[in-house]
Structure formats: C-alpha cells, structure tokens
Amino acid sequence: MSKEQARPEITAALTKGMIVDAIMLTVGGALWFATGEMVWFIGAFIIGSLAFPLLLAQAGAFTRPDERR
C-alpha cells in the first residue's frame, strides 16, 4: 500500500461520509413512507451526497502532494 492510500484522515472522512449518507437515506425513507412524498427521499439523497466531497475536502483529499504540510 502506498503512502497516499494509507492516509488515516481520508479513511476517517470516507467513514463519516458513509455514516451521514446512511442516516440521511434512512431519514428520507422514513419521511417518504410517512408522508408519501418522494421529495423527502430525493432531498435526503442530495444532502447525503454533498456530505462526501465536503468531508473529503475538509480532510485535504483534493490537495496536491506538493501542497501538503
């Protein structure tokens, strides 16, 4: 495994993103089931999908190797 693949902050950001996405899809599915409006599920999917790049950016996943400290 290369040094790039072993960055723990990226792994933590991916794990957090998966947890946020699962929670948002569960909440969206429950609201869809309760109200019959699919817009809840779609909105939860969008919010959960936005969490991934935000958490990865916060962890520094999109920086070039020469820009890291």
PDB file of N, CA and C in Angstrom:
ATOM      1  N   MET A   1       0.845  -1.174   0.000  1.00  0.00           N
ATOM      2  CA  MET A   1       0.000   0.000   0.000  1.00  0.00           C
ATOM      3  C   MET A   1       0.893   1.241   0.000  1.00  0.00           C
ATOM      4  N   SER A   2       0.607   2.173  -0.865  1.00  0.00           N
ATOM      5  CA  SER A   2       1.420   3.377  -0.939  1.00  0.00           C
ATOM      6  C   SER A   2       1.068   4.324   0.200  1.00  0.00           C
ATOM      7  N   LYS A   3       1.933   5.302   0.402  1.00  0.00           N
ATOM      8  CA  LYS A   3       1.700   6.278   1.460  1.00  0.00           C
ATOM      9  C   LYS A   3       0.414   7.062   1.199  1.00  0.00           C
ATOM     10  N   GLU A   4       0.113   7.317  -0.059  1.00  0.00           N
ATOM     11  CA  GLU A   4      -1.088   8.069  -0.430  1.00  0.00           C
ATOM     12  C   GLU A   4      -2.365   7.332  -0.021  1.00  0.00           C
ATOM     13  N   GLN A   5      -2.362   6.013  -0.129  1.00  0.00           N
ATOM     14  CA  GLN A   5      -3.549   5.229   0.204  1.00  0.00           C
ATOM     15  C   GLN A   5      -3.710   5.032   1.702  1.00  0.00           C
ATOM     16  N   ALA A   6      -2.684   5.286   2.471  1.00  0.00           N
ATOM     17  CA  ALA A   6      -2.710   4.994   3.896  1.00  0.00           C
ATOM     18  C   ALA A   6      -3.016   6.216   4.758  1.00  0.00           C
ATOM     19  N   ARG A   7      -3.509   7.282   4.179  1.00  0.00           N
ATOM     20  CA  ARG A   7      -3.772   8.489   4.968  1.00  0.00           C
ATOM     21  C   ARG A   7      -5.011   8.280   5.840  1.00  0.00           C
ATOM     22  N   PRO A   8      -4.851   8.267   7.150  1.00  0.00           N
ATOM     23  CA  PRO A   8      -5.973   7.957   8.039  1.00  0.00           C
ATOM     24  C   PRO A   8      -7.077   9.009   8.022  1.00  0.00           C
ATOM     25  N   GLU A   9      -6.742  10.264   7.766  1.00  0.00           N
ATOM     26  CA  GLU A   9      -7.785  11.297   7.753  1.00  0.00           C
ATOM     27  C   GLU A   9      -8.737  11.115   6.573  1.00  0.00           C
ATOM     28  N   ILE A  10      -8.224  10.590   5.462  1.00  0.00           N
ATOM     29  CA  ILE A  10      -9.088  10.324   4.306  1.00  0.00           C
ATOM     30  C   ILE A  10     -10.006   9.141   4.609  1.00  0.00           C
ATOM     31  N   THR A  11      -9.448   8.112   5.223  1.00  0.00           N
ATOM     32  CA  THR A  11     -10.257   6.955   5.600  1.00  0.00           C
ATOM     33  C   THR A  11     -11.347   7.359   6.586  1.00  0.00           C
ATOM     34  N   ALA A  12     -11.003   8.217   7.539  1.00  0.00           N
ATOM     35  CA  ALA A  12     -11.997   8.691   8.510  1.00  0.00           C
ATOM     36  C   ALA A  12     -13.078   9.517   7.822  1.00  0.00           C
ATOM     37  N   ALA A  13     -12.699  10.352   6.862  1.00  0.00           N
ATOM     38  CA  ALA A  13     -13.683  11.161   6.139  1.00  0.00           C
ATOM     39  C   ALA A  13     -14.621  10.279   5.324  1.00  0.00           C
ATOM     40  N   LEU A  14     -14.097   9.228   4.713  1.00  0.00           N
ATOM     41  CA  LEU A  14     -14.950   8.296   3.968  1.00  0.00           C
ATOM     42  C   LEU A  14     -15.935   7.587   4.894  1.00  0.00           C
ATOM     43  N   THR A  15     -15.450   7.180   6.052  1.00  0.00           N
ATOM     44  CA  THR A  15     -16.324   6.509   7.014  1.00  0.00           C
ATOM     45  C   THR A  15     -17.421   7.445   7.496  1.00  0.00           C
ATOM     46  N   LYS A  16     -17.050   8.681   7.829  1.00  0.00           N
ATOM     47  CA  LYS A  16     -18.050   9.661   8.263  1.00  0.00           C
ATOM     48  C   LYS A  16     -19.060   9.935   7.157  1.00  0.00           C
ATOM     49  N   GLY A  17     -18.585  10.033   5.932  1.00  0.00           N
ATOM     50  CA  GLY A  17     -19.482  10.274   4.804  1.00  0.00           C
ATOM     51  C   GLY A  17     -20.469   9.145   4.608  1.00  0.00           C
ATOM     52  N   MET A  18     -19.996   7.911   4.755  1.00  0.00           N
ATOM     53  CA  MET A  18     -20.900   6.763   4.621  1.00  0.00           C
ATOM     54  C   MET A  18     -21.945   6.756   5.731  1.00  0.00           C
ATOM     55  N   ILE A  19     -21.539   7.122   6.938  1.00  0.00           N
ATOM     56  CA  ILE A  19     -22.480   7.170   8.055  1.00  0.00           C
ATOM     57  C   ILE A  19     -23.526   8.254   7.827  1.00  0.00           C
ATOM     58  N   VAL A  20     -23.077   9.445   7.419  1.00  0.00           N
ATOM     59  CA  VAL A  20     -24.012  10.542   7.154  1.00  0.00           C
ATOM     60  C   VAL A  20     -24.972  10.166   6.036  1.00  0.00           C
ATOM     61  N   ASP A  21     -24.461   9.562   4.982  1.00  0.00           N
ATOM     62  CA  ASP A  21     -25.312   9.172   3.856  1.00  0.00           C
ATOM     63  C   ASP A  21     -26.343   8.129   4.286  1.00  0.00           C
ATOM     64  N   ALA A  22     -25.931   7.160   5.072  1.00  0.00           N
ATOM     65  CA  ALA A  22     -26.869   6.131   5.545  1.00  0.00           C
ATOM     66  C   ALA A  22     -27.950   6.731   6.433  1.00  0.00           C
ATOM     67  N   ILE A  23     -27.564   7.646   7.311  1.00  0.00           N
ATOM     68  CA  ILE A  23     -28.545   8.297   8.180  1.00  0.00           C
ATOM     69  C   ILE A  23     -29.520   9.127   7.362  1.00  0.00           C
ATOM     70  N   MET A  24     -28.991   9.899   6.408  1.00  0.00           N
ATOM     71  CA  MET A  24     -29.869  10.747   5.595  1.00  0.00           C
ATOM     72  C   MET A  24     -30.829   9.905   4.763  1.00  0.00           C
ATOM     73  N   LEU A  25     -30.360   8.805   4.199  1.00  0.00           N
ATOM     74  CA  LEU A  25     -31.248   7.949   3.410  1.00  0.00           C
ATOM     75  C   LEU A  25     -32.293   7.271   4.291  1.00  0.00           C
ATOM     76  N   THR A  26     -31.922   6.924   5.508  1.00  0.00           N
ATOM     77  CA  THR A  26     -32.890   6.337   6.437  1.00  0.00           C
ATOM     78  C   THR A  26     -33.962   7.350   6.815  1.00  0.00           C
ATOM     79  N   VAL A  27     -33.540   8.567   7.140  1.00  0.00           N
ATOM     80  CA  VAL A  27     -34.499   9.623   7.484  1.00  0.00           C
ATOM     81  C   VAL A  27     -35.378   9.949   6.284  1.00  0.00           C
ATOM     82  N   GLY A  28     -34.772  10.086   5.118  1.00  0.00           N
ATOM     83  CA  GLY A  28     -35.545  10.369   3.906  1.00  0.00           C
ATOM     84  C   GLY A  28     -36.537   9.267   3.582  1.00  0.00           C
ATOM     85  N   GLY A  29     -36.115   8.014   3.748  1.00  0.00           N
ATOM     86  CA  GLY A  29     -37.016   6.886   3.512  1.00  0.00           C
ATOM     87  C   GLY A  29     -38.167   6.857   4.504  1.00  0.00           C
ATOM     88  N   ALA A  30     -37.869   7.165   5.769  1.00  0.00           N
ATOM     89  CA  ALA A  30     -38.926   7.192   6.786  1.00  0.00           C
ATOM     90  C   ALA A  30     -39.929   8.311   6.506  1.00  0.00           C
ATOM     91  N   LEU A  31     -39.426   9.485   6.123  1.00  0.00           N
ATOM     92  CA  LEU A  31     -40.334  10.593   5.801  1.00  0.00           C
ATOM     93  C   LEU A  31     -41.134  10.303   4.540  1.00  0.00           C
ATOM     94  N   TRP A  32     -40.521   9.655   3.576  1.00  0.00           N
ATOM     95  CA  TRP A  32     -41.240   9.267   2.355  1.00  0.00           C
ATOM     96  C   TRP A  32     -42.358   8.285   2.700  1.00  0.00           C
ATOM     97  N   PHE A  33     -42.040   7.311   3.546  1.00  0.00           N
ATOM     98  CA  PHE A  33     -43.042   6.330   3.955  1.00  0.00           C
ATOM     99  C   PHE A  33     -44.171   6.998   4.746  1.00  0.00           C
ATOM    100  N   ALA A  34     -43.821   7.949   5.630  1.00  0.00           N
ATOM    101  CA  ALA A  34     -44.816   8.591   6.490  1.00  0.00           C
ATOM    102  C   ALA A  34     -45.714   9.562   5.729  1.00  0.00           C
ATOM    103  N   THR A  35     -45.149  10.284   4.763  1.00  0.00           N
ATOM    104  CA  THR A  35     -45.924  11.327   4.085  1.00  0.00           C
ATOM    105  C   THR A  35     -46.346  10.951   2.675  1.00  0.00           C
ATOM    106  N   GLY A  36     -45.683   9.985   2.077  1.00  0.00           N
ATOM    107  CA  GLY A  36     -45.984   9.620   0.695  1.00  0.00           C
ATOM    108  C   GLY A  36     -45.352  10.548  -0.331  1.00  0.00           C
ATOM    109  N   GLU A  37     -44.535  11.479   0.114  1.00  0.00           N
ATOM    110  CA  GLU A  37     -43.869  12.431  -0.779  1.00  0.00           C
ATOM    111  C   GLU A  37     -42.431  11.976  -1.031  1.00  0.00           C
ATOM    112  N   MET A  38     -42.132  11.636  -2.265  1.00  0.00           N
ATOM    113  CA  MET A  38     -40.804  11.139  -2.610  1.00  0.00           C
ATOM    114  C   MET A  38     -39.740  12.232  -2.527  1.00  0.00           C
ATOM    115  N   VAL A  39     -40.158  13.481  -2.500  1.00  0.00           N
ATOM    116  CA  VAL A  39     -39.207  14.589  -2.442  1.00  0.00           C
ATOM    117  C   VAL A  39     -38.341  14.510  -1.174  1.00  0.00           C
ATOM    118  N   TRP A  40     -38.853  13.937  -0.093  1.00  0.00           N
ATOM    119  CA  TRP A  40     -38.054  13.773   1.120  1.00  0.00           C
ATOM    120  C   TRP A  40     -36.855  12.861   0.853  1.00  0.00           C
ATOM    121  N   PHE A  41     -37.089  11.764   0.165  1.00  0.00           N
ATOM    122  CA  PHE A  41     -36.013  10.815  -0.135  1.00  0.00           C
ATOM    123  C   PHE A  41     -34.994  11.441  -1.080  1.00  0.00           C
ATOM    124  N   ILE A  42     -35.475  12.158  -2.088  1.00  0.00           N
ATOM    125  CA  ILE A  42     -34.572  12.809  -3.043  1.00  0.00           C
ATOM    126  C   ILE A  42     -33.737  13.874  -2.343  1.00  0.00           C
ATOM    127  N   GLY A  43     -34.370  14.676  -1.495  1.00  0.00           N
ATOM    128  CA  GLY A  43     -33.645  15.704  -0.746  1.00  0.00           C
ATOM    129  C   GLY A  43     -32.604  15.111   0.184  1.00  0.00           C
ATOM    130  N   ALA A  44     -32.964  14.037   0.862  1.00  0.00           N
ATOM    131  CA  ALA A  44     -32.016  13.376   1.756  1.00  0.00           C
ATOM    132  C   ALA A  44     -30.848  12.789   0.970  1.00  0.00           C
ATOM    133  N   PHE A  45     -31.130  12.253  -0.217  1.00  0.00           N
ATOM    134  CA  PHE A  45     -30.066  11.722  -1.072  1.00  0.00           C
ATOM    135  C   PHE A  45     -29.104  12.840  -1.486  1.00  0.00           C
ATOM    136  N   ILE A  46     -29.641  13.988  -1.855  1.00  0.00           N
ATOM    137  CA  ILE A  46     -28.798  15.115  -2.276  1.00  0.00           C
ATOM    138  C   ILE A  46     -27.944  15.605  -1.117  1.00  0.00           C
ATOM    139  N   ILE A  47     -28.549  15.776   0.053  1.00  0.00           N
ATOM    140  CA  ILE A  47     -27.788  16.245   1.216  1.00  0.00           C
ATOM    141  C   ILE A  47     -26.713  15.228   1.603  1.00  0.00           C
ATOM    142  N   GLY A  48     -27.064  13.956   1.607  1.00  0.00           N
ATOM    143  CA  GLY A  48     -26.080  12.922   1.924  1.00  0.00           C
ATOM    144  C   GLY A  48     -24.957  12.865   0.909  1.00  0.00           C
ATOM    145  N   SER A  49     -25.286  13.079  -0.362  1.00  0.00           N
ATOM    146  CA  SER A  49     -24.268  13.064  -1.418  1.00  0.00           C
ATOM    147  C   SER A  49     -23.341  14.269  -1.324  1.00  0.00           C
ATOM    148  N   LEU A  50     -23.839  15.388  -0.859  1.00  0.00           N
ATOM    149  CA  LEU A  50     -22.998  16.570  -0.690  1.00  0.00           C
ATOM    150  C   LEU A  50     -22.048  16.420   0.494  1.00  0.00           C
ATOM    151  N   ALA A  51     -22.398  15.573   1.437  1.00  0.00           N
ATOM    152  CA  ALA A  51     -21.550  15.384   2.614  1.00  0.00           C
ATOM    153  C   ALA A  51     -20.208  14.758   2.246  1.00  0.00           C
ATOM    154  N   PHE A  52     -20.194  13.849   1.285  1.00  0.00           N
ATOM    155  CA  PHE A  52     -18.950  13.167   0.918  1.00  0.00           C
ATOM    156  C   PHE A  52     -17.860  14.137   0.460  1.00  0.00           C
ATOM    157  N   PRO A  53     -18.088  14.948  -0.580  1.00  0.00           N
ATOM    158  CA  PRO A  53     -16.998  15.836  -1.000  1.00  0.00           C
ATOM    159  C   PRO A  53     -16.637  16.882   0.045  1.00  0.00           C
ATOM    160  N   LEU A  54     -17.604  17.318   0.842  1.00  0.00           N
ATOM    161  CA  LEU A  54     -17.286  18.296   1.883  1.00  0.00           C
ATOM    162  C   LEU A  54     -16.381  17.690   2.954  1.00  0.00           C
ATOM    163  N   LEU A  55     -16.680  16.485   3.381  1.00  0.00           N
ATOM    164  CA  LEU A  55     -15.826  15.826   4.375  1.00  0.00           C
ATOM    165  C   LEU A  55     -14.454  15.494   3.801  1.00  0.00           C
ATOM    166  N   LEU A  56     -14.410  15.074   2.546  1.00  0.00           N
ATOM    167  CA  LEU A  56     -13.116  14.788   1.920  1.00  0.00           C
ATOM    168  C   LEU A  56     -12.290  16.060   1.753  1.00  0.00           C
ATOM    169  N   ALA A  57     -12.938  17.152   1.383  1.00  0.00           N
ATOM    170  CA  ALA A  57     -12.216  18.421   1.251  1.00  0.00           C
ATOM    171  C   ALA A  57     -11.689  18.882   2.601  1.00  0.00           C
ATOM    172  N   GLN A  58     -12.477  18.696   3.634  1.00  0.00           N
ATOM    173  CA  GLN A  58     -12.040  19.072   4.973  1.00  0.00           C
ATOM    174  C   GLN A  58     -10.821  18.251   5.399  1.00  0.00           C
ATOM    175  N   ALA A  59     -10.753  17.007   4.961  1.00  0.00           N
ATOM    176  CA  ALA A  59      -9.622  16.140   5.300  1.00  0.00           C
ATOM    177  C   ALA A  59      -8.409  16.387   4.407  1.00  0.00           C
ATOM    178  N   GLY A  60      -8.563  17.199   3.370  1.00  0.00           N
ATOM    179  CA  GLY A  60      -7.441  17.514   2.489  1.00  0.00           C
ATOM    180  C   GLY A  60      -7.238  16.528   1.363  1.00  0.00           C
ATOM    181  N   ALA A  61      -8.285  15.859   0.949  1.00  0.00           N
ATOM    182  CA  ALA A  61      -8.161  14.838  -0.096  1.00  0.00           C
ATOM    183  C   ALA A  61      -7.924  15.434  -1.474  1.00  0.00           C
ATOM    184  N   PHE A  62      -8.259  16.685  -1.673  1.00  0.00           N
ATOM    185  CA  PHE A  62      -8.163  17.281  -3.001  1.00  0.00           C
ATOM    186  C   PHE A  62      -6.927  18.165  -3.168  1.00  0.00           C
ATOM    187  N   THR A  63      -5.993  18.081  -2.236  1.00  0.00           N
ATOM    188  CA  THR A  63      -4.760  18.852  -2.361  1.00  0.00           C
ATOM    189  C   THR A  63      -3.718  18.029  -3.103  1.00  0.00           C
ATOM    190  N   ARG A  64      -2.853  18.721  -3.799  1.00  0.00           N
ATOM    191  CA  ARG A  64      -1.761  18.030  -4.486  1.00  0.00           C
ATOM    192  C   ARG A  64      -0.688  17.655  -3.464  1.00  0.00           C
ATOM    193  N   PRO A  65       0.085  16.610  -3.738  1.00  0.00           N
ATOM    194  CA  PRO A  65       1.106  16.184  -2.773  1.00  0.00           C
ATOM    195  C   PRO A  65       2.104  17.290  -2.416  1.00  0.00           C
ATOM    196  N   ASP A  66       2.412  18.176  -3.349  1.00  0.00           N
ATOM    197  CA  ASP A  66       3.368  19.240  -3.057  1.00  0.00           C
ATOM    198  C   ASP A  66       2.758  20.359  -2.219  1.00  0.00           C
ATOM    199  N   GLU A  67       1.444  20.393  -2.043  1.00  0.00           N
ATOM    200  CA  GLU A  67       0.788  21.425  -1.242  1.00  0.00           C
ATOM    201  C   GLU A  67       0.557  20.984   0.198  1.00  0.00           C
ATOM    202  N   ARG A  68       0.787  19.721   0.506  1.00  0.00           N
ATOM    203  CA  ARG A  68       0.544  19.214   1.859  1.00  0.00           C
ATOM    204  C   ARG A  68       1.690  19.587   2.773  1.00  0.00           C
ATOM    205  N   ARG A  69       1.373  19.716   4.042  1.00  0.00           N
ATOM    206  CA  ARG A  69       2.411  20.042   5.028  1.00  0.00           C
ATOM    207  C   ARG A  69       2.839  18.813   5.755  1.00  0.00           C
TER     208      ARG A  69
END
